[in-house]
Amino acid sequence: SPSGFDPATAEGTVTVSCNHHERMFLIPDFLRRAQKEAPKATVHVFESAVDGKQQLKENICDIVLGPVSILGDIYYRRKMFTDHYACVMDPAHKLSRGSLTLERYCASRHVAVTHNGRWEALYFAALRARGIELKPDVTVSSHDILERLIPGSELVATIPFRLASRLSDQLALRPFPMDVFIQIDMYWTERT
């Protein structure tokens, strides 16, 4: 903490920019802690989609959380957690049984989260590195619709394991057939 800063008496607003993954696993604890330790502060949570760095640069937000790389001398970074990809599908889907090989995975129909076509999940680059060009049958703007979209369909969603495990009571959860890790970092500037 900067000298003289006391969260218990601090007033003002902190704006956090992040997406569904981070809102599900970081924001609830952050808000509980902020309410306890800085009761006079106001917290706003914005959707970052792919604009987190720009939002931070333009002072639209104070903190960015996500699997992004924000480089530059004015940015600070702290690793929050790592995750990896998993696949979710309808329990009756053929991939819910047997070995989930890369070949079987690629031959399936896919839904991908693209933040309005402006972002690509890290597993796409890993597949391309193996010469595989995966073309999703459906794209959606956020993970939040997957639990309603996948049941009864032939679609497979490849999403962070932590999100996938929250859906495992209604969808089949299988490991992604490659090791692709996701690092979630927190970024801020000296202004924060």
C-alpha atoms as a PDB file:
ATOM      1  CA  SER A   1       0.000   0.000   0.000  1.00  0.00           C
ATOM      2  CA  PRO A   2       1.218   3.516  -0.701  1.00  0.00           C
ATOM      3  CA  SER A   3       2.218   5.337   2.470  1.00  0.00           C
ATOM      4  CA  GLY A   4      -0.775   6.914   4.129  1.00  0.00           C
ATOM      5  CA  PHE A   5      -3.330   4.744   2.292  1.00  0.00           C
ATOM      6  CA  ASP A   6      -5.952   3.249   4.575  1.00  0.00           C
ATOM      7  CA  PRO A   7      -8.552   1.069   2.816  1.00  0.00           C
ATOM      8  CA  ALA A   8     -10.910   1.357   5.804  1.00  0.00           C
ATOM      9  CA  THR A   9     -11.336   5.103   5.180  1.00  0.00           C
ATOM     10  CA  ALA A  10     -10.712   5.159   1.414  1.00  0.00           C
ATOM     11  CA  GLU A  11     -13.512   6.547  -0.713  1.00  0.00           C
ATOM     12  CA  GLY A  12     -13.855   6.483  -4.458  1.00  0.00           C
ATOM     13  CA  THR A  13     -14.408   3.977  -7.202  1.00  0.00           C
ATOM     14  CA  VAL A  14     -12.404   1.003  -8.440  1.00  0.00           C
ATOM     15  CA  THR A  15     -13.327  -0.287 -11.884  1.00  0.00           C
ATOM     16  CA  VAL A  16     -12.370  -3.825 -12.840  1.00  0.00           C
ATOM     17  CA  SER A  17     -12.482  -4.985 -16.461  1.00  0.00           C
ATOM     18  CA  CYS A  18     -12.760  -8.723 -17.069  1.00  0.00           C
ATOM     19  CA  ASN A  19     -14.796 -11.438 -18.762  1.00  0.00           C
ATOM     20  CA  HIS A  20     -17.005 -14.332 -17.651  1.00  0.00           C
ATOM     21  CA  HIS A  21     -14.152 -16.639 -16.535  1.00  0.00           C
ATOM     22  CA  GLU A  22     -12.681 -14.028 -14.210  1.00  0.00           C
ATOM     23  CA  ARG A  23     -16.091 -12.809 -13.011  1.00  0.00           C
ATOM     24  CA  MET A  24     -16.930 -16.335 -11.917  1.00  0.00           C
ATOM     25  CA  PHE A  25     -13.680 -17.106 -10.062  1.00  0.00           C
ATOM     26  CA  LEU A  26     -12.081 -13.857  -8.938  1.00  0.00           C
ATOM     27  CA  ILE A  27     -14.721 -11.161  -8.602  1.00  0.00           C
ATOM     28  CA  PRO A  28     -16.907 -12.729  -5.854  1.00  0.00           C
ATOM     29  CA  ASP A  29     -13.997 -13.033  -3.387  1.00  0.00           C
ATOM     30  CA  PHE A  30     -12.637  -9.633  -4.440  1.00  0.00           C
ATOM     31  CA  LEU A  31     -15.998  -7.981  -3.765  1.00  0.00           C
ATOM     32  CA  ARG A  32     -16.416  -9.655  -0.372  1.00  0.00           C
ATOM     33  CA  ARG A  33     -12.913  -8.556   0.640  1.00  0.00           C
ATOM     34  CA  ALA A  34     -13.395  -5.019  -0.716  1.00  0.00           C
ATOM     35  CA  GLN A  35     -16.671  -4.611   1.178  1.00  0.00           C
ATOM     36  CA  LYS A  36     -14.998  -5.736   4.391  1.00  0.00           C
ATOM     37  CA  GLU A  37     -11.691  -3.864   4.084  1.00  0.00           C
ATOM     38  CA  ALA A  38     -12.783  -0.789   2.091  1.00  0.00           C
ATOM     39  CA  PRO A  39     -16.463  -0.291   3.000  1.00  0.00           C
ATOM     40  CA  LYS A  40     -16.629   3.262   1.622  1.00  0.00           C
ATOM     41  CA  ALA A  41     -15.296   2.320  -1.817  1.00  0.00           C
ATOM     42  CA  THR A  42     -17.509   1.594  -4.815  1.00  0.00           C
ATOM     43  CA  VAL A  43     -16.632  -1.213  -7.228  1.00  0.00           C
ATOM     44  CA  HIS A  44     -17.683  -1.344 -10.879  1.00  0.00           C
ATOM     45  CA  VAL A  45     -17.123  -4.476 -12.985  1.00  0.00           C
ATOM     46  CA  PHE A  46     -17.028  -4.005 -16.757  1.00  0.00           C
ATOM     47  CA  GLU A  47     -16.895  -6.483 -19.631  1.00  0.00           C
ATOM     48  CA  SER A  48     -13.449  -6.295 -21.201  1.00  0.00           C
ATOM     49  CA  ALA A  49     -14.045  -8.558 -24.222  1.00  0.00           C
ATOM     50  CA  VAL A  50     -10.750  -7.791 -26.004  1.00  0.00           C
ATOM     51  CA  ASP A  51     -10.507  -4.136 -24.959  1.00  0.00           C
ATOM     52  CA  GLY A  52      -8.884  -4.466 -21.527  1.00  0.00           C
ATOM     53  CA  LYS A  53      -5.553  -2.873 -22.453  1.00  0.00           C
ATOM     54  CA  GLN A  54      -7.293   0.023 -24.199  1.00  0.00           C
ATOM     55  CA  GLN A  55      -9.637   0.481 -21.232  1.00  0.00           C
ATOM     56  CA  LEU A  56      -6.655   0.567 -18.868  1.00  0.00           C
ATOM     57  CA  LYS A  57      -4.712   2.955 -21.118  1.00  0.00           C
ATOM     58  CA  GLU A  58      -7.681   5.343 -21.406  1.00  0.00           C
ATOM     59  CA  ASN A  59      -8.417   5.209 -17.635  1.00  0.00           C
ATOM     60  CA  ILE A  60     -11.807   3.577 -18.262  1.00  0.00           C
ATOM     61  CA  CYS A  61     -10.792   0.914 -15.760  1.00  0.00           C
ATOM     62  CA  ASP A  62      -8.274   0.591 -12.936  1.00  0.00           C
ATOM     63  CA  ILE A  63      -7.640  -3.159 -13.142  1.00  0.00           C
ATOM     64  CA  VAL A  64      -7.774  -5.700 -15.977  1.00  0.00           C
ATOM     65  CA  LEU A  65      -8.131  -9.412 -15.254  1.00  0.00           C
ATOM     66  CA  GLY A  66      -7.681 -12.000 -17.981  1.00  0.00           C
ATOM     67  CA  PRO A  67      -5.578 -14.305 -20.146  1.00  0.00           C
ATOM     68  CA  VAL A  68      -4.035 -11.326 -21.892  1.00  0.00           C
ATOM     69  CA  SER A  69      -0.546  -9.972 -22.291  1.00  0.00           C
ATOM     70  CA  ILE A  70      -0.351  -6.251 -21.618  1.00  0.00           C
ATOM     71  CA  LEU A  71       3.185  -5.067 -22.222  1.00  0.00           C
ATOM     72  CA  GLY A  72       4.762  -1.712 -21.510  1.00  0.00           C
ATOM     73  CA  ASP A  73       6.684   0.156 -18.849  1.00  0.00           C
ATOM     74  CA  ILE A  74       3.561   1.687 -17.315  1.00  0.00           C
ATOM     75  CA  TYR A  75       1.810  -1.636 -16.602  1.00  0.00           C
ATOM     76  CA  TYR A  76       2.176  -3.870 -13.571  1.00  0.00           C
ATOM     77  CA  ARG A  77       1.229  -7.556 -13.585  1.00  0.00           C
ATOM     78  CA  ARG A  78       0.409 -10.206 -11.014  1.00  0.00           C
ATOM     79  CA  LYS A  79      -0.379 -13.830 -11.826  1.00  0.00           C
ATOM     80  CA  MET A  80      -3.738 -14.802 -10.350  1.00  0.00           C
ATOM     81  CA  PHE A  81      -4.146 -18.462 -11.386  1.00  0.00           C
ATOM     82  CA  THR A  82      -3.666 -20.929 -14.199  1.00  0.00           C
ATOM     83  CA  ASP A  83      -6.270 -23.126 -15.802  1.00  0.00           C
ATOM     84  CA  HIS A  84      -6.402 -25.521 -18.733  1.00  0.00           C
ATOM     85  CA  TYR A  85      -8.956 -26.407 -21.384  1.00  0.00           C
ATOM     86  CA  ALA A  86     -11.668 -29.027 -21.103  1.00  0.00           C
ATOM     87  CA  CYS A  87     -14.565 -30.024 -23.329  1.00  0.00           C
ATOM     88  CA  VAL A  88     -18.244 -30.005 -22.453  1.00  0.00           C
ATOM     89  CA  MET A  89     -21.024 -31.641 -24.427  1.00  0.00           C
ATOM     90  CA  ASP A  90     -24.452 -33.154 -24.053  1.00  0.00           C
ATOM     91  CA  PRO A  91     -24.223 -36.371 -21.974  1.00  0.00           C
ATOM     92  CA  ALA A  92     -25.621 -38.324 -24.962  1.00  0.00           C
ATOM     93  CA  HIS A  93     -22.889 -37.002 -27.302  1.00  0.00           C
ATOM     94  CA  LYS A  94     -20.634 -39.681 -28.790  1.00  0.00           C
ATOM     95  CA  LEU A  95     -17.525 -37.954 -27.352  1.00  0.00           C
ATOM     96  CA  SER A  96     -18.835 -38.419 -23.816  1.00  0.00           C
ATOM     97  CA  ARG A  97     -17.867 -42.096 -24.136  1.00  0.00           C
ATOM     98  CA  GLY A  98     -14.607 -43.736 -25.101  1.00  0.00           C
ATOM     99  CA  SER A  99     -11.245 -42.141 -25.630  1.00  0.00           C
ATOM    100  CA  LEU A 100     -11.340 -38.478 -26.631  1.00  0.00           C
ATOM    101  CA  THR A 101      -8.629 -38.467 -29.252  1.00  0.00           C
ATOM    102  CA  LEU A 102      -7.620 -35.404 -31.223  1.00  0.00           C
ATOM    103  CA  GLU A 103      -9.035 -37.051 -34.348  1.00  0.00           C
ATOM    104  CA  ARG A 104     -12.453 -37.640 -32.753  1.00  0.00           C
ATOM    105  CA  TYR A 105     -12.416 -34.137 -31.297  1.00  0.00           C
ATOM    106  CA  CYS A 106     -11.696 -32.498 -34.660  1.00  0.00           C
ATOM    107  CA  ALA A 107     -14.398 -34.543 -36.410  1.00  0.00           C
ATOM    108  CA  SER A 108     -17.073 -33.128 -34.065  1.00  0.00           C
ATOM    109  CA  ARG A 109     -19.200 -29.993 -34.337  1.00  0.00           C
ATOM    110  CA  HIS A 110     -17.953 -27.099 -32.221  1.00  0.00           C
ATOM    111  CA  VAL A 111     -19.165 -23.946 -30.541  1.00  0.00           C
ATOM    112  CA  ALA A 112     -16.540 -21.307 -29.741  1.00  0.00           C
ATOM    113  CA  VAL A 113     -16.556 -18.178 -27.616  1.00  0.00           C
ATOM    114  CA  THR A 114     -15.214 -15.271 -29.679  1.00  0.00           C
ATOM    115  CA  HIS A 115     -16.242 -12.058 -27.862  1.00  0.00           C
ATOM    116  CA  ASN A 116     -18.160 -10.838 -30.897  1.00  0.00           C
ATOM    117  CA  GLY A 117     -15.644 -12.252 -33.366  1.00  0.00           C
ATOM    118  CA  ARG A 118     -12.779 -10.223 -31.925  1.00  0.00           C
ATOM    119  CA  TRP A 119     -10.995 -12.904 -29.882  1.00  0.00           C
ATOM    120  CA  GLU A 120      -9.742 -16.433 -30.347  1.00  0.00           C
ATOM    121  CA  ALA A 121      -9.227 -18.924 -27.506  1.00  0.00           C
ATOM    122  CA  LEU A 122      -5.649 -20.106 -26.987  1.00  0.00           C
ATOM    123  CA  TYR A 123      -6.391 -23.680 -28.028  1.00  0.00           C
ATOM    124  CA  PHE A 124      -6.919 -22.591 -31.667  1.00  0.00           C
ATOM    125  CA  ALA A 125      -3.242 -21.589 -31.977  1.00  0.00           C
ATOM    126  CA  ALA A 126      -2.188 -24.887 -30.366  1.00  0.00           C
ATOM    127  CA  LEU A 127      -4.269 -26.794 -32.925  1.00  0.00           C
ATOM    128  CA  ARG A 128      -2.832 -24.741 -35.809  1.00  0.00           C
ATOM    129  CA  ALA A 129       0.688 -25.525 -34.550  1.00  0.00           C
ATOM    130  CA  ARG A 130      -0.204 -29.168 -35.273  1.00  0.00           C
ATOM    131  CA  GLY A 131      -1.551 -28.286 -38.714  1.00  0.00           C
ATOM    132  CA  ILE A 132      -5.210 -28.418 -37.652  1.00  0.00           C
ATOM    133  CA  GLU A 133      -7.557 -25.625 -38.696  1.00  0.00           C
ATOM    134  CA  LEU A 134     -10.689 -25.985 -36.565  1.00  0.00           C
ATOM    135  CA  LYS A 135     -13.742 -24.138 -37.894  1.00  0.00           C
ATOM    136  CA  PRO A 136     -16.527 -23.790 -35.307  1.00  0.00           C
ATOM    137  CA  ASP A 137     -20.093 -24.434 -36.421  1.00  0.00           C
ATOM    138  CA  VAL A 138     -21.370 -21.837 -33.958  1.00  0.00           C
ATOM    139  CA  THR A 139     -19.715 -18.831 -32.326  1.00  0.00           C
ATOM    140  CA  VAL A 140     -21.042 -16.951 -29.312  1.00  0.00           C
ATOM    141  CA  SER A 141     -19.965 -13.777 -27.580  1.00  0.00           C
ATOM    142  CA  SER A 142     -19.580 -15.223 -24.072  1.00  0.00           C
ATOM    143  CA  HIS A 143     -19.415 -18.438 -22.060  1.00  0.00           C
ATOM    144  CA  ASP A 144     -22.627 -17.588 -20.241  1.00  0.00           C
ATOM    145  CA  ILE A 145     -24.940 -19.097 -22.891  1.00  0.00           C
ATOM    146  CA  LEU A 146     -23.219 -22.476 -23.209  1.00  0.00           C
ATOM    147  CA  GLU A 147     -25.208 -24.220 -20.484  1.00  0.00           C
ATOM    148  CA  ARG A 148     -28.424 -23.464 -22.409  1.00  0.00           C
ATOM    149  CA  LEU A 149     -27.023 -23.969 -25.902  1.00  0.00           C
ATOM    150  CA  ILE A 150     -25.303 -27.352 -25.606  1.00  0.00           C
ATOM    151  CA  PRO A 151     -27.953 -29.655 -24.059  1.00  0.00           C
ATOM    152  CA  GLY A 152     -29.654 -31.673 -26.799  1.00  0.00           C
ATOM    153  CA  SER A 153     -27.165 -30.529 -29.450  1.00  0.00           C
ATOM    154  CA  GLU A 154     -24.172 -32.121 -31.179  1.00  0.00           C
ATOM    155  CA  LEU A 155     -21.947 -29.196 -30.172  1.00  0.00           C
ATOM    156  CA  VAL A 156     -18.723 -29.467 -28.200  1.00  0.00           C
ATOM    157  CA  ALA A 157     -17.420 -26.412 -26.331  1.00  0.00           C
ATOM    158  CA  THR A 158     -13.763 -26.166 -25.397  1.00  0.00           C
ATOM    159  CA  ILE A 159     -13.576 -23.884 -22.386  1.00  0.00           C
ATOM    160  CA  PRO A 160     -11.486 -23.333 -19.261  1.00  0.00           C
ATOM    161  CA  PHE A 161     -11.696 -26.328 -16.915  1.00  0.00           C
ATOM    162  CA  ARG A 162     -12.942 -24.230 -13.985  1.00  0.00           C
ATOM    163  CA  LEU A 163     -15.929 -23.091 -16.046  1.00  0.00           C
ATOM    164  CA  ALA A 164     -16.476 -26.574 -17.463  1.00  0.00           C
ATOM    165  CA  SER A 165     -16.530 -28.139 -13.992  1.00  0.00           C
ATOM    166  CA  ARG A 166     -19.379 -25.781 -12.995  1.00  0.00           C
ATOM    167  CA  LEU A 167     -21.440 -27.280 -15.843  1.00  0.00           C
ATOM    168  CA  SER A 168     -20.575 -30.930 -15.144  1.00  0.00           C
ATOM    169  CA  ASP A 169     -23.859 -31.611 -13.328  1.00  0.00           C
ATOM    170  CA  GLN A 170     -25.758 -31.090 -16.591  1.00  0.00           C
ATOM    171  CA  LEU A 171     -23.126 -31.645 -19.304  1.00  0.00           C
ATOM    172  CA  ALA A 172     -20.493 -34.294 -19.926  1.00  0.00           C
ATOM    173  CA  LEU A 173     -17.005 -33.042 -19.039  1.00  0.00           C
ATOM    174  CA  ARG A 174     -13.988 -34.456 -20.869  1.00  0.00           C
ATOM    175  CA  PRO A 175     -10.345 -33.396 -20.958  1.00  0.00           C
ATOM    176  CA  PHE A 176      -9.241 -31.450 -24.026  1.00  0.00           C
ATOM    177  CA  PRO A 177      -6.984 -33.848 -26.005  1.00  0.00           C
ATOM    178  CA  MET A 178      -3.988 -31.469 -25.778  1.00  0.00           C
ATOM    179  CA  ASP A 179      -2.277 -29.682 -22.895  1.00  0.00           C
ATOM    180  CA  VAL A 180      -3.029 -25.986 -23.364  1.00  0.00           C
ATOM    181  CA  PHE A 181      -2.733 -23.812 -20.292  1.00  0.00           C
ATOM    182  CA  ILE A 182      -4.395 -20.491 -19.572  1.00  0.00           C
ATOM    183  CA  GLN A 183      -2.775 -17.958 -17.265  1.00  0.00           C
ATOM    184  CA  ILE A 184      -5.039 -15.344 -15.734  1.00  0.00           C
ATOM    185  CA  ASP A 185      -3.215 -12.180 -14.735  1.00  0.00           C
ATOM    186  CA  MET A 186      -4.137  -8.910 -13.090  1.00  0.00           C
ATOM    187  CA  TYR A 187      -2.849  -5.683 -14.678  1.00  0.00           C
ATOM    188  CA  TRP A 188      -2.861  -2.147 -13.354  1.00  0.00           C
ATOM    189  CA  THR A 189      -0.933   1.098 -13.708  1.00  0.00           C
ATOM    190  CA  GLU A 190       0.783   3.357 -11.190  1.00  0.00           C
ATOM    191  CA  ARG A 191      -2.389   5.448 -11.164  1.00  0.00           C
ATOM    192  CA  THR A 192      -4.239   2.563  -9.514  1.00  0.00           C
END
